Amino acid sequence: MPDVKKILFVCVENAGRSQMAEGFFRKYAPRGYEPQSAGTKPIDAINPLAIAVMKEIGIDISNQQPKIISDSIIQHSTRIVNMGCMDKESCPAIFVQNVLDWEIPDPKGKPLGEVRKIRDLIEKRINELCKTLE
């Protein structure tokens, strides 16, 4: 579909929040939209707890891969969502303009219960976003 609109979810490592957002958006997106995610300093693999909490609710993100944000990804995105930053020097909001900033806590190093709360917050924000796109 050449007229697909891409929604880009960004965070630093592209291993937790943005990957969960990509999974939720893939499930809830209105017709004609698709998700992508990227990070300013991506790591090698998705956070295993992020994969686990998403599987608990029937969304498999285990085949997604962290990737680096690029000018091409930014230019081909209809909307960009910054998930939140701990490290201001590599914060994606520095590199892109007109971005939604959700300020969602990083699940890295958090216990399972906290990661579930972060997952649920991301799902709520994704549903709110989808309503504005329909």
Foldseek 3Di string as FASTA:
>chain_A
DVQAAEEEEEAAAQAALRLLLQQLCCVQADPRYHYDYEHQHHDFHHDPLRQVLCVVVPTGSRPPGYHHDDPVVQVRHPAYEYAAYPDVVRGCPVVDPPHHYNRQDDCPPPDSVVSNVSSVVSNVVSVVVNVVVD
